[in-house]
Amino acid sequence: MANKDVQIPDLLSWCQREIEYEHGAGTLRNILHSMGFYYKQKNYLPIVAERQAYKVARMKDLSSPLPGPPVGKDKGKRAIVWPW
């Protein structure tokens, strides 16, 4: 069951049964879209899938240093220049 494609009608019936969801399929689509899911066409019925950017962000190691040259500690600081 882990590899089964998730479709809106199945998800809507599960929401209505398990969490007493009172709204329709359009509202459920908007909620899922705001949570980072999208719909891709597979055969004749669109399926719900997670955006690739969220998958990549979840796999990143936040404690590792960023790629690129090292930045000095004073880089970006500005001095106040007085006119007198």
PDB file of N, CA and C in Angstrom:
ATOM      1  N   MET A   1       0.815  -1.199   0.000  1.00  0.00           N
ATOM      2  CA  MET A   1       0.000   0.000   0.000  1.00  0.00           C
ATOM      3  C   MET A   1       0.856   1.261   0.000  1.00  0.00           C
ATOM      4  N   ALA A   2       2.115   1.136   0.334  1.00  0.00           N
ATOM      5  CA  ALA A   2       2.984   2.303   0.383  1.00  0.00           C
ATOM      6  C   ALA A   2       3.235   2.873  -1.006  1.00  0.00           C
ATOM      7  N   ASN A   3       3.178   2.062  -2.046  1.00  0.00           N
ATOM      8  CA  ASN A   3       3.443   2.526  -3.396  1.00  0.00           C
ATOM      9  C   ASN A   3       2.185   2.911  -4.156  1.00  0.00           C
ATOM     10  N   LYS A   4       1.042   2.908  -3.513  1.00  0.00           N
ATOM     11  CA  LYS A   4      -0.199   3.245  -4.188  1.00  0.00           C
ATOM     12  C   LYS A   4      -0.258   4.748  -4.455  1.00  0.00           C
ATOM     13  N   ASP A   5      -0.690   5.127  -5.654  1.00  0.00           N
ATOM     14  CA  ASP A   5      -0.837   6.536  -5.990  1.00  0.00           C
ATOM     15  C   ASP A   5      -2.012   7.127  -5.226  1.00  0.00           C
ATOM     16  N   VAL A   6      -1.822   8.324  -4.706  1.00  0.00           N
ATOM     17  CA  VAL A   6      -2.876   9.012  -3.952  1.00  0.00           C
ATOM     18  C   VAL A   6      -3.657   9.882  -4.921  1.00  0.00           C
ATOM     19  N   GLN A   7      -4.971   9.705  -4.936  1.00  0.00           N
ATOM     20  CA  GLN A   7      -5.838  10.475  -5.807  1.00  0.00           C
ATOM     21  C   GLN A   7      -6.825  11.251  -4.949  1.00  0.00           C
ATOM     22  N   ILE A   8      -7.305  12.369  -5.495  1.00  0.00           N
ATOM     23  CA  ILE A   8      -8.187  13.259  -4.740  1.00  0.00           C
ATOM     24  C   ILE A   8      -9.464  12.561  -4.266  1.00  0.00           C
ATOM     25  N   PRO A   9     -10.179  11.790  -5.091  1.00  0.00           N
ATOM     26  CA  PRO A   9     -11.402  11.151  -4.577  1.00  0.00           C
ATOM     27  C   PRO A   9     -11.131  10.206  -3.402  1.00  0.00           C
ATOM     28  N   ASP A  10     -10.039   9.448  -3.475  1.00  0.00           N
ATOM     29  CA  ASP A  10      -9.696   8.552  -2.362  1.00  0.00           C
ATOM     30  C   ASP A  10      -9.332   9.341  -1.114  1.00  0.00           C
ATOM     31  N   LEU A  11      -8.559  10.400  -1.303  1.00  0.00           N
ATOM     32  CA  LEU A  11      -8.141  11.224  -0.170  1.00  0.00           C
ATOM     33  C   LEU A  11      -9.332  11.950   0.446  1.00  0.00           C
ATOM     34  N   LEU A  12     -10.253  12.415  -0.386  1.00  0.00           N
ATOM     35  CA  LEU A  12     -11.445  13.100   0.115  1.00  0.00           C
ATOM     36  C   LEU A  12     -12.320  12.150   0.925  1.00  0.00           C
ATOM     37  N   SER A  13     -12.517  10.944   0.442  1.00  0.00           N
ATOM     38  CA  SER A  13     -13.340   9.988   1.204  1.00  0.00           C
ATOM     39  C   SER A  13     -12.663   9.613   2.517  1.00  0.00           C
ATOM     40  N   TRP A  14     -11.323   9.498   2.532  1.00  0.00           N
ATOM     41  CA  TRP A  14     -10.612   9.210   3.779  1.00  0.00           C
ATOM     42  C   TRP A  14     -10.767  10.365   4.767  1.00  0.00           C
ATOM     43  N   CYS A  15     -10.636  11.606   4.279  1.00  0.00           N
ATOM     44  CA  CYS A  15     -10.770  12.775   5.155  1.00  0.00           C
ATOM     45  C   CYS A  15     -12.174  12.871   5.740  1.00  0.00           C
ATOM     46  N   GLN A  16     -13.179  12.605   4.932  1.00  0.00           N
ATOM     47  CA  GLN A  16     -14.552  12.667   5.426  1.00  0.00           C
ATOM     48  C   GLN A  16     -14.827  11.572   6.445  1.00  0.00           C
ATOM     49  N   ARG A  17     -14.220  10.424   6.277  1.00  0.00           N
ATOM     50  CA  ARG A  17     -14.453   9.300   7.172  1.00  0.00           C
ATOM     51  C   ARG A  17     -13.651   9.427   8.470  1.00  0.00           C
ATOM     52  N   GLU A  18     -12.378   9.790   8.369  1.00  0.00           N
ATOM     53  CA  GLU A  18     -11.497   9.743   9.531  1.00  0.00           C
ATOM     54  C   GLU A  18     -11.460  11.037  10.337  1.00  0.00           C
ATOM     55  N   ILE A  19     -11.430  12.177   9.669  1.00  0.00           N
ATOM     56  CA  ILE A  19     -11.298  13.432  10.417  1.00  0.00           C
ATOM     57  C   ILE A  19     -12.536  14.321  10.278  1.00  0.00           C
ATOM     58  N   GLU A  20     -13.622  13.763   9.767  1.00  0.00           N
ATOM     59  CA  GLU A  20     -14.901  14.464   9.624  1.00  0.00           C
ATOM     60  C   GLU A  20     -14.750  15.767   8.836  1.00  0.00           C
ATOM     61  N   TYR A  21     -14.084  15.672   7.703  1.00  0.00           N
ATOM     62  CA  TYR A  21     -13.872  16.810   6.809  1.00  0.00           C
ATOM     63  C   TYR A  21     -15.197  17.183   6.171  1.00  0.00           C
ATOM     64  N   GLU A  22     -15.590  18.452   6.268  1.00  0.00           N
ATOM     65  CA  GLU A  22     -16.921  18.874   5.830  1.00  0.00           C
ATOM     66  C   GLU A  22     -16.932  19.587   4.482  1.00  0.00           C
ATOM     67  N   HIS A  23     -15.774  19.853   3.910  1.00  0.00           N
ATOM     68  CA  HIS A  23     -15.708  20.636   2.680  1.00  0.00           C
ATOM     69  C   HIS A  23     -15.561  19.722   1.473  1.00  0.00           C
ATOM     70  N   GLY A  24     -15.540  20.327   0.303  1.00  0.00           N
ATOM     71  CA  GLY A  24     -15.489  19.545  -0.928  1.00  0.00           C
ATOM     72  C   GLY A  24     -14.083  19.320  -1.456  1.00  0.00           C
ATOM     73  N   ALA A  25     -14.029  18.764  -2.664  1.00  0.00           N
ATOM     74  CA  ALA A  25     -12.751  18.407  -3.280  1.00  0.00           C
ATOM     75  C   ALA A  25     -11.951  19.648  -3.679  1.00  0.00           C
ATOM     76  N   GLY A  26     -12.624  20.711  -4.094  1.00  0.00           N
ATOM     77  CA  GLY A  26     -11.912  21.936  -4.483  1.00  0.00           C
ATOM     78  C   GLY A  26     -11.167  22.562  -3.320  1.00  0.00           C
ATOM     79  N   THR A  27     -11.804  22.601  -2.166  1.00  0.00           N
ATOM     80  CA  THR A  27     -11.149  23.136  -0.975  1.00  0.00           C
ATOM     81  C   THR A  27      -9.990  22.249  -0.555  1.00  0.00           C
ATOM     82  N   LEU A  28     -10.158  20.948  -0.674  1.00  0.00           N
ATOM     83  CA  LEU A  28      -9.076  20.024  -0.341  1.00  0.00           C
ATOM     84  C   LEU A  28      -7.887  20.222  -1.279  1.00  0.00           C
ATOM     85  N   ARG A  29      -8.152  20.462  -2.561  1.00  0.00           N
ATOM     86  CA  ARG A  29      -7.063  20.734  -3.510  1.00  0.00           C
ATOM     87  C   ARG A  29      -6.309  22.001  -3.125  1.00  0.00           C
ATOM     88  N   ASN A  30      -7.048  23.052  -2.738  1.00  0.00           N
ATOM     89  CA  ASN A  30      -6.400  24.301  -2.337  1.00  0.00           C
ATOM     90  C   ASN A  30      -5.554  24.110  -1.086  1.00  0.00           C
ATOM     91  N   ILE A  31      -6.048  23.347  -0.140  1.00  0.00           N
ATOM     92  CA  ILE A  31      -5.295  23.083   1.087  1.00  0.00           C
ATOM     93  C   ILE A  31      -4.016  22.318   0.766  1.00  0.00           C
ATOM     94  N   LEU A  32      -4.125  21.295  -0.052  1.00  0.00           N
ATOM     95  CA  LEU A  32      -2.942  20.508  -0.407  1.00  0.00           C
ATOM     96  C   LEU A  32      -1.937  21.334  -1.202  1.00  0.00           C
ATOM     97  N   HIS A  33      -2.424  22.213  -2.068  1.00  0.00           N
ATOM     98  CA  HIS A  33      -1.522  23.065  -2.840  1.00  0.00           C
ATOM     99  C   HIS A  33      -0.758  24.012  -1.917  1.00  0.00           C
ATOM    100  N   SER A  34      -1.434  24.567  -0.913  1.00  0.00           N
ATOM    101  CA  SER A  34      -0.757  25.470   0.017  1.00  0.00           C
ATOM    102  C   SER A  34       0.224  24.726   0.918  1.00  0.00           C
ATOM    103  N   MET A  35       0.061  23.419   1.065  1.00  0.00           N
ATOM    104  CA  MET A  35       0.986  22.618   1.866  1.00  0.00           C
ATOM    105  C   MET A  35       2.164  22.109   1.040  1.00  0.00           C
ATOM    106  N   GLY A  36       2.215  22.409  -0.242  1.00  0.00           N
ATOM    107  CA  GLY A  36       3.362  22.037  -1.062  1.00  0.00           C
ATOM    108  C   GLY A  36       3.163  20.814  -1.924  1.00  0.00           C
ATOM    109  N   PHE A  37       1.937  20.401  -2.141  1.00  0.00           N
ATOM    110  CA  PHE A  37       1.672  19.263  -3.015  1.00  0.00           C
ATOM    111  C   PHE A  37       1.205  19.770  -4.376  1.00  0.00           C
ATOM    112  N   TYR A  38       1.350  18.969  -5.395  1.00  0.00           N
ATOM    113  CA  TYR A  38       0.881  19.328  -6.724  1.00  0.00           C
ATOM    114  C   TYR A  38       0.232  18.103  -7.354  1.00  0.00           C
ATOM    115  N   TYR A  39      -0.371  18.293  -8.495  1.00  0.00           N
ATOM    116  CA  TYR A  39      -1.087  17.217  -9.168  1.00  0.00           C
ATOM    117  C   TYR A  39      -0.391  16.916 -10.477  1.00  0.00           C
ATOM    118  N   LYS A  40      -0.116  15.664 -10.728  1.00  0.00           N
ATOM    119  CA  LYS A  40       0.457  15.289 -12.014  1.00  0.00           C
ATOM    120  C   LYS A  40      -0.443  14.244 -12.652  1.00  0.00           C
ATOM    121  N   GLN A  41      -0.535  14.317 -13.958  1.00  0.00           N
ATOM    122  CA  GLN A  41      -1.427  13.426 -14.688  1.00  0.00           C
ATOM    123  C   GLN A  41      -0.784  12.054 -14.841  1.00  0.00           C
ATOM    124  N   LYS A  42      -1.504  11.041 -14.444  1.00  0.00           N
ATOM    125  CA  LYS A  42      -1.049   9.668 -14.636  1.00  0.00           C
ATOM    126  C   LYS A  42      -2.242   8.897 -15.179  1.00  0.00           C
ATOM    127  N   ASN A  43      -2.119   8.436 -16.387  1.00  0.00           N
ATOM    128  CA  ASN A  43      -3.220   7.790 -17.116  1.00  0.00           C
ATOM    129  C   ASN A  43      -4.363   8.782 -17.284  1.00  0.00           C
ATOM    130  N   TYR A  44      -5.467   8.600 -16.616  1.00  0.00           N
ATOM    131  CA  TYR A  44      -6.619   9.473 -16.822  1.00  0.00           C
ATOM    132  C   TYR A  44      -6.981  10.277 -15.582  1.00  0.00           C
ATOM    133  N   LEU A  45      -6.421   9.964 -14.426  1.00  0.00           N
ATOM    134  CA  LEU A  45      -6.785  10.638 -13.184  1.00  0.00           C
ATOM    135  C   LEU A  45      -5.543  11.260 -12.561  1.00  0.00           C
ATOM    136  N   PRO A  46      -5.585  12.555 -12.223  1.00  0.00           N
ATOM    137  CA  PRO A  46      -4.396  13.171 -11.632  1.00  0.00           C
ATOM    138  C   PRO A  46      -4.120  12.620 -10.233  1.00  0.00           C
ATOM    139  N   ILE A  47      -2.851  12.499  -9.906  1.00  0.00           N
ATOM    140  CA  ILE A  47      -2.463  12.011  -8.586  1.00  0.00           C
ATOM    141  C   ILE A  47      -1.809  13.145  -7.810  1.00  0.00           C
ATOM    142  N   VAL A  48      -1.811  13.032  -6.504  1.00  0.00           N
ATOM    143  CA  VAL A  48      -1.204  14.023  -5.622  1.00  0.00           C
ATOM    144  C   VAL A  48       0.239  13.612  -5.384  1.00  0.00           C
ATOM    145  N   ALA A  49       1.162  14.550  -5.556  1.00  0.00           N
ATOM    146  CA  ALA A  49       2.581  14.264  -5.343  1.00  0.00           C
ATOM    147  C   ALA A  49       3.223  15.443  -4.622  1.00  0.00           C
ATOM    148  N   GLU A  50       4.333  15.176  -3.957  1.00  0.00           N
ATOM    149  CA  GLU A  50       5.054  16.227  -3.246  1.00  0.00           C
ATOM    150  C   GLU A  50       6.009  16.923  -4.208  1.00  0.00           C
ATOM    151  N   ARG A  51       6.169  18.228  -4.041  1.00  0.00           N
ATOM    152  CA  ARG A  51       7.077  18.976  -4.908  1.00  0.00           C
ATOM    153  C   ARG A  51       8.512  18.516  -4.708  1.00  0.00           C
ATOM    154  N   GLN A  52       9.275  18.505  -5.787  1.00  0.00           N
ATOM    155  CA  GLN A  52      10.658  18.028  -5.749  1.00  0.00           C
ATOM    156  C   GLN A  52      11.526  18.907  -4.853  1.00  0.00           C
ATOM    157  N   ALA A  53      11.253  20.218  -4.817  1.00  0.00           N
ATOM    158  CA  ALA A  53      12.061  21.117  -3.988  1.00  0.00           C
ATOM    159  C   ALA A  53      11.931  20.771  -2.507  1.00  0.00           C
ATOM    160  N   TYR A  54      10.747  20.339  -2.080  1.00  0.00           N
ATOM    161  CA  TYR A  54      10.555  19.962  -0.681  1.00  0.00           C
ATOM    162  C   TYR A  54      11.280  18.660  -0.364  1.00  0.00           C
ATOM    163  N   LYS A  55      11.312  17.739  -1.313  1.00  0.00           N
ATOM    164  CA  LYS A  55      12.046  16.489  -1.101  1.00  0.00           C
ATOM    165  C   LYS A  55      13.537  16.767  -0.951  1.00  0.00           C
ATOM    166  N   VAL A  56      14.074  17.640  -1.798  1.00  0.00           N
ATOM    167  CA  VAL A  56      15.497  17.977  -1.744  1.00  0.00           C
ATOM    168  C   VAL A  56      15.820  18.715  -0.454  1.00  0.00           C
ATOM    169  N   ALA A  57      14.956  19.639  -0.045  1.00  0.00           N
ATOM    170  CA  ALA A  57      15.205  20.402   1.179  1.00  0.00           C
ATOM    171  C   ALA A  57      15.178  19.501   2.407  1.00  0.00           C
ATOM    172  N   ARG A  58      14.361  18.484   2.403  1.00  0.00           N
ATOM    173  CA  ARG A  58      14.277  17.580   3.540  1.00  0.00           C
ATOM    174  C   ARG A  58      15.535  16.721   3.661  1.00  0.00           C
ATOM    175  N   MET A  59      16.215  16.471   2.552  1.00  0.00           N
ATOM    176  CA  MET A  59      17.409  15.631   2.569  1.00  0.00           C
ATOM    177  C   MET A  59      18.683  16.412   2.877  1.00  0.00           C
ATOM    178  N   LYS A  60      18.640  17.746   2.905  1.00  0.00           N
ATOM    179  CA  LYS A  60      19.844  18.546   3.125  1.00  0.00           C
ATOM    180  C   LYS A  60      20.290  18.468   4.574  1.00  0.00           C
ATOM    181  N   ASP A  61      21.601  18.562   4.766  1.00  0.00           N
ATOM    182  CA  ASP A  61      22.188  18.604   6.099  1.00  0.00           C
ATOM    183  C   ASP A  61      22.385  20.075   6.460  1.00  0.00           C
ATOM    184  N   LEU A  62      21.603  20.574   7.417  1.00  0.00           N
ATOM    185  CA  LEU A  62      21.652  21.991   7.748  1.00  0.00           C
ATOM    186  C   LEU A  62      22.916  22.383   8.494  1.00  0.00           C
ATOM    187  N   SER A  63      23.602  21.431   9.110  1.00  0.00           N
ATOM    188  CA  SER A  63      24.810  21.767   9.860  1.00  0.00           C
ATOM    189  C   SER A  63      26.048  21.827   8.971  1.00  0.00           C
ATOM    190  N   SER A  64      25.962  21.355   7.743  1.00  0.00           N
ATOM    191  CA  SER A  64      27.127  21.386   6.855  1.00  0.00           C
ATOM    192  C   SER A  64      27.312  22.797   6.292  1.00  0.00           C
ATOM    193  N   PRO A  65      28.564  23.200   6.006  1.00  0.00           N
ATOM    194  CA  PRO A  65      28.803  24.545   5.464  1.00  0.00           C
ATOM    195  C   PRO A  65      28.282  24.664   4.035  1.00  0.00           C
ATOM    196  N   LEU A  66      27.942  25.874   3.669  1.00  0.00           N
ATOM    197  CA  LEU A  66      27.454  26.133   2.320  1.00  0.00           C
ATOM    198  C   LEU A  66      28.606  26.099   1.324  1.00  0.00           C
ATOM    199  N   PRO A  67      28.362  25.701   0.091  1.00  0.00           N
ATOM    200  CA  PRO A  67      29.435  25.690  -0.899  1.00  0.00           C
ATOM    201  C   PRO A  67      29.820  27.109  -1.305  1.00  0.00           C
ATOM    202  N   GLY A  68      31.051  27.281  -1.716  1.00  0.00           N
ATOM    203  CA  GLY A  68      31.517  28.580  -2.173  1.00  0.00           C
ATOM    204  C   GLY A  68      32.695  29.064  -1.361  1.00  0.00           C
ATOM    205  N   PRO A  69      33.239  30.230  -1.725  1.00  0.00           N
ATOM    206  CA  PRO A  69      34.403  30.742  -1.008  1.00  0.00           C
ATOM    207  C   PRO A  69      34.023  31.196   0.402  1.00  0.00           C
ATOM    208  N   PRO A  70      34.963  31.113   1.347  1.00  0.00           N
ATOM    209  CA  PRO A  70      34.664  31.573   2.706  1.00  0.00           C
ATOM    210  C   PRO A  70      34.515  33.095   2.732  1.00  0.00           C
ATOM    211  N   VAL A  71      33.633  33.573   3.569  1.00  0.00           N
ATOM    212  CA  VAL A  71      33.355  35.001   3.670  1.00  0.00           C
ATOM    213  C   VAL A  71      34.030  35.520   4.932  1.00  0.00           C
ATOM    214  N   GLY A  72      34.709  36.643   4.813  1.00  0.00           N
ATOM    215  CA  GLY A  72      35.363  37.250   5.966  1.00  0.00           C
ATOM    216  C   GLY A  72      34.357  37.750   6.986  1.00  0.00           C
ATOM    217  N   LYS A  73      34.811  37.907   8.250  1.00  0.00           N
ATOM    218  CA  LYS A  73      33.867  38.284   9.301  1.00  0.00           C
ATOM    219  C   LYS A  73      33.402  39.726   9.166  1.00  0.00           C
ATOM    220  N   ASP A  74      34.192  40.601   8.500  1.00  0.00           N
ATOM    221  CA  ASP A  74      33.807  42.003   8.349  1.00  0.00           C
ATOM    222  C   ASP A  74      33.146  42.290   7.004  1.00  0.00           C
ATOM    223  N   LYS A  75      32.957  41.289   6.195  1.00  0.00           N
ATOM    224  CA  LYS A  75      32.370  41.516   4.874  1.00  0.00           C
ATOM    225  C   LYS A  75      30.907  41.921   5.018  1.00  0.00           C
ATOM    226  N   GLY A  76      30.569  42.987   4.364  1.00  0.00           N
ATOM    227  CA  GLY A  76      29.198  43.461   4.381  1.00  0.00           C
ATOM    228  C   GLY A  76      28.940  44.530   5.422  1.00  0.00           C
ATOM    229  N   LYS A  77      29.873  44.767   6.346  1.00  0.00           N
ATOM    230  CA  LYS A  77      29.679  45.821   7.344  1.00  0.00           C
ATOM    231  C   LYS A  77      30.006  47.165   6.708  1.00  0.00           C
ATOM    232  N   ARG A  78      29.300  48.175   7.122  1.00  0.00           N
ATOM    233  CA  ARG A  78      29.513  49.505   6.562  1.00  0.00           C
ATOM    234  C   ARG A  78      29.898  50.469   7.674  1.00  0.00           C
ATOM    235  N   ALA A  79      30.786  51.342   7.360  1.00  0.00           N
ATOM    236  CA  ALA A  79      31.201  52.366   8.318  1.00  0.00           C
ATOM    237  C   ALA A  79      30.378  53.623   8.093  1.00  0.00           C
ATOM    238  N   ILE A  80      30.127  54.351   9.166  1.00  0.00           N
ATOM    239  CA  ILE A  80      29.396  55.613   9.058  1.00  0.00           C
ATOM    240  C   ILE A  80      30.417  56.706   8.761  1.00  0.00           C
ATOM    241  N   VAL A  81      30.215  57.427   7.688  1.00  0.00           N
ATOM    242  CA  VAL A  81      31.120  58.509   7.300  1.00  0.00           C
ATOM    243  C   VAL A  81      30.423  59.825   7.620  1.00  0.00           C
ATOM    244  N   TRP A  82      31.043  60.601   8.533  1.00  0.00           N
ATOM    245  CA  TRP A  82      30.460  61.884   8.920  1.00  0.00           C
ATOM    246  C   TRP A  82      30.930  62.961   7.952  1.00  0.00           C
ATOM    247  N   PRO A  83      30.086  63.917   7.654  1.00  0.00           N
ATOM    248  CA  PRO A  83      30.471  64.944   6.674  1.00  0.00           C
ATOM    249  C   PRO A  83      31.502  65.936   7.206  1.00  0.00           C
ATOM    250  N   TRP A  84      31.828  66.039   8.495  1.00  0.00           N
ATOM    251  CA  TRP A  84      32.822  66.991   8.994  1.00  0.00           C
ATOM    252  C   TRP A  84      34.066  66.357   9.449  1.00  0.00           C
TER     253      TRP A  84
END
